[in-house]
Amino acid sequence: MIGISDIIGLVGVALLIVTYAMLQLDKIDSKGFWYSFNNFIVAILVTVSLVYTPNLASLVIEFFWFIISVYGMVMYYSRQQKKKDAES
């Protein structure tokens, strides 16, 4: 039987697939905010599923996916701030 944690994880997987498709179709920039933010949300949603059905290898992947996504969002805002400072 599929539980709520499975549904949450599947929503994360769906978001991952949509984000990757958008990247390949040039609808989203890999250095843009939404790419990193979507991957950040994916990592959270899939981790919720993994908490209830643990798999060490997948948890490790999601941990690094989360950290790298946070780094991507920080770098996005850093680039935006540099642009803003250059325009001033």
C-alpha atoms as a PDB file:
ATOM      1  CA  MET A   1       0.000   0.000   0.000  1.00  0.00           C
ATOM      2  CA  ILE A   2       1.233   3.462  -0.862  1.00  0.00           C
ATOM      3  CA  GLY A   3       1.481   5.732   2.164  1.00  0.00           C
ATOM      4  CA  ILE A   4       1.683   9.503   2.458  1.00  0.00           C
ATOM      5  CA  SER A   5       5.498   9.355   2.662  1.00  0.00           C
ATOM      6  CA  ASP A   6       5.562   7.459  -0.642  1.00  0.00           C
ATOM      7  CA  ILE A   7       3.330  10.075  -2.258  1.00  0.00           C
ATOM      8  CA  ILE A   8       5.588  12.866  -0.961  1.00  0.00           C
ATOM      9  CA  GLY A   9       8.632  11.067  -2.374  1.00  0.00           C
ATOM     10  CA  LEU A  10       6.903  10.524  -5.728  1.00  0.00           C
ATOM     11  CA  VAL A  11       6.032  14.224  -5.910  1.00  0.00           C
ATOM     12  CA  GLY A  12       9.743  14.893  -5.373  1.00  0.00           C
ATOM     13  CA  VAL A  13      10.668  12.509  -8.178  1.00  0.00           C
ATOM     14  CA  ALA A  14       8.090  14.140 -10.472  1.00  0.00           C
ATOM     15  CA  LEU A  15       9.573  17.565  -9.697  1.00  0.00           C
ATOM     16  CA  LEU A  16      13.056  16.209 -10.419  1.00  0.00           C
ATOM     17  CA  ILE A  17      11.942  14.870 -13.805  1.00  0.00           C
ATOM     18  CA  VAL A  18      10.152  18.104 -14.716  1.00  0.00           C
ATOM     19  CA  THR A  19      13.152  20.199 -13.643  1.00  0.00           C
ATOM     20  CA  TYR A  20      15.552  18.062 -15.660  1.00  0.00           C
ATOM     21  CA  ALA A  21      13.280  18.201 -18.710  1.00  0.00           C
ATOM     22  CA  MET A  22      13.018  21.983 -18.392  1.00  0.00           C
ATOM     23  CA  LEU A  23      16.816  22.194 -18.243  1.00  0.00           C
ATOM     24  CA  GLN A  24      17.209  20.077 -21.377  1.00  0.00           C
ATOM     25  CA  LEU A  25      14.542  22.096 -23.197  1.00  0.00           C
ATOM     26  CA  ASP A  26      16.326  25.373 -22.290  1.00  0.00           C
ATOM     27  CA  LYS A  27      13.339  26.523 -20.260  1.00  0.00           C
ATOM     28  CA  ILE A  28      15.399  26.892 -17.093  1.00  0.00           C
ATOM     29  CA  ASP A  29      18.970  28.057 -16.467  1.00  0.00           C
ATOM     30  CA  SER A  30      21.233  25.703 -14.515  1.00  0.00           C
ATOM     31  CA  LYS A  31      22.778  28.739 -12.794  1.00  0.00           C
ATOM     32  CA  GLY A  32      19.389  30.316 -12.137  1.00  0.00           C
ATOM     33  CA  PHE A  33      17.464  30.350  -8.876  1.00  0.00           C
ATOM     34  CA  TRP A  34      14.682  27.959  -9.919  1.00  0.00           C
ATOM     35  CA  TYR A  35      16.969  25.112 -10.905  1.00  0.00           C
ATOM     36  CA  SER A  36      18.696  25.089  -7.513  1.00  0.00           C
ATOM     37  CA  PHE A  37      15.469  25.766  -5.626  1.00  0.00           C
ATOM     38  CA  ASN A  38      13.629  22.920  -7.364  1.00  0.00           C
ATOM     39  CA  ASN A  39      16.506  20.546  -6.596  1.00  0.00           C
ATOM     40  CA  PHE A  40      16.459  21.741  -2.973  1.00  0.00           C
ATOM     41  CA  ILE A  41      12.737  20.882  -2.736  1.00  0.00           C
ATOM     42  CA  VAL A  42      13.337  17.544  -4.495  1.00  0.00           C
ATOM     43  CA  ALA A  43      15.970  16.619  -1.895  1.00  0.00           C
ATOM     44  CA  ILE A  44      13.577  17.445   0.961  1.00  0.00           C
ATOM     45  CA  LEU A  45      10.617  15.555  -0.534  1.00  0.00           C
ATOM     46  CA  VAL A  46      12.601  12.433  -1.400  1.00  0.00           C
ATOM     47  CA  THR A  47      14.259  12.474   2.034  1.00  0.00           C
ATOM     48  CA  VAL A  48      10.823  12.469   3.672  1.00  0.00           C
ATOM     49  CA  SER A  49      10.094   9.242   1.831  1.00  0.00           C
ATOM     50  CA  LEU A  50      13.493   7.802   2.796  1.00  0.00           C
ATOM     51  CA  VAL A  51      12.930   8.519   6.489  1.00  0.00           C
ATOM     52  CA  TYR A  52      10.081   6.003   6.431  1.00  0.00           C
ATOM     53  CA  THR A  53      11.777   3.536   4.090  1.00  0.00           C
ATOM     54  CA  PRO A  54      15.494   4.007   4.776  1.00  0.00           C
ATOM     55  CA  ASN A  55      18.139   3.338   2.184  1.00  0.00           C
ATOM     56  CA  LEU A  56      21.588   4.548   3.227  1.00  0.00           C
ATOM     57  CA  ALA A  57      22.928   5.155  -0.278  1.00  0.00           C
ATOM     58  CA  SER A  58      19.867   7.206  -1.234  1.00  0.00           C
ATOM     59  CA  LEU A  59      20.022   9.195   1.999  1.00  0.00           C
ATOM     60  CA  VAL A  60      23.662  10.059   1.268  1.00  0.00           C
ATOM     61  CA  ILE A  61      22.732  11.194  -2.251  1.00  0.00           C
ATOM     62  CA  GLU A  62      19.887  13.342  -0.940  1.00  0.00           C
ATOM     63  CA  PHE A  63      22.103  14.886   1.738  1.00  0.00           C
ATOM     64  CA  PHE A  64      24.613  16.048  -0.868  1.00  0.00           C
ATOM     65  CA  TRP A  65      21.824  17.021  -3.283  1.00  0.00           C
ATOM     66  CA  PHE A  66      20.440  19.298  -0.553  1.00  0.00           C
ATOM     67  CA  ILE A  67      23.838  20.839   0.301  1.00  0.00           C
ATOM     68  CA  ILE A  68      24.750  21.439  -3.345  1.00  0.00           C
ATOM     69  CA  SER A  69      21.332  22.991  -4.003  1.00  0.00           C
ATOM     70  CA  VAL A  70      21.759  25.374  -1.073  1.00  0.00           C
ATOM     71  CA  TYR A  71      25.197  26.282  -2.455  1.00  0.00           C
ATOM     72  CA  GLY A  72      23.605  26.935  -5.865  1.00  0.00           C
ATOM     73  CA  MET A  73      21.019  29.285  -4.349  1.00  0.00           C
ATOM     74  CA  VAL A  74      23.705  31.131  -2.367  1.00  0.00           C
ATOM     75  CA  MET A  75      25.803  31.512  -5.520  1.00  0.00           C
ATOM     76  CA  TYR A  76      22.772  32.784  -7.440  1.00  0.00           C
ATOM     77  CA  TYR A  77      22.161  35.516  -4.867  1.00  0.00           C
ATOM     78  CA  SER A  78      25.870  36.305  -4.777  1.00  0.00           C
ATOM     79  CA  ARG A  79      25.897  36.799  -8.563  1.00  0.00           C
ATOM     80  CA  GLN A  80      22.762  38.939  -8.344  1.00  0.00           C
ATOM     81  CA  GLN A  81      24.378  41.129  -5.682  1.00  0.00           C
ATOM     82  CA  LYS A  82      27.539  41.537  -7.795  1.00  0.00           C
ATOM     83  CA  LYS A  83      25.370  42.587 -10.767  1.00  0.00           C
ATOM     84  CA  LYS A  84      23.525  45.084  -8.608  1.00  0.00           C
ATOM     85  CA  ASP A  85      26.796  46.482  -7.219  1.00  0.00           C
ATOM     86  CA  ALA A  86      28.268  46.774 -10.738  1.00  0.00           C
ATOM     87  CA  GLU A  87      25.224  48.738 -11.901  1.00  0.00           C
ATOM     88  CA  SER A  88      25.562  51.222  -9.034  1.00  0.00           C
END
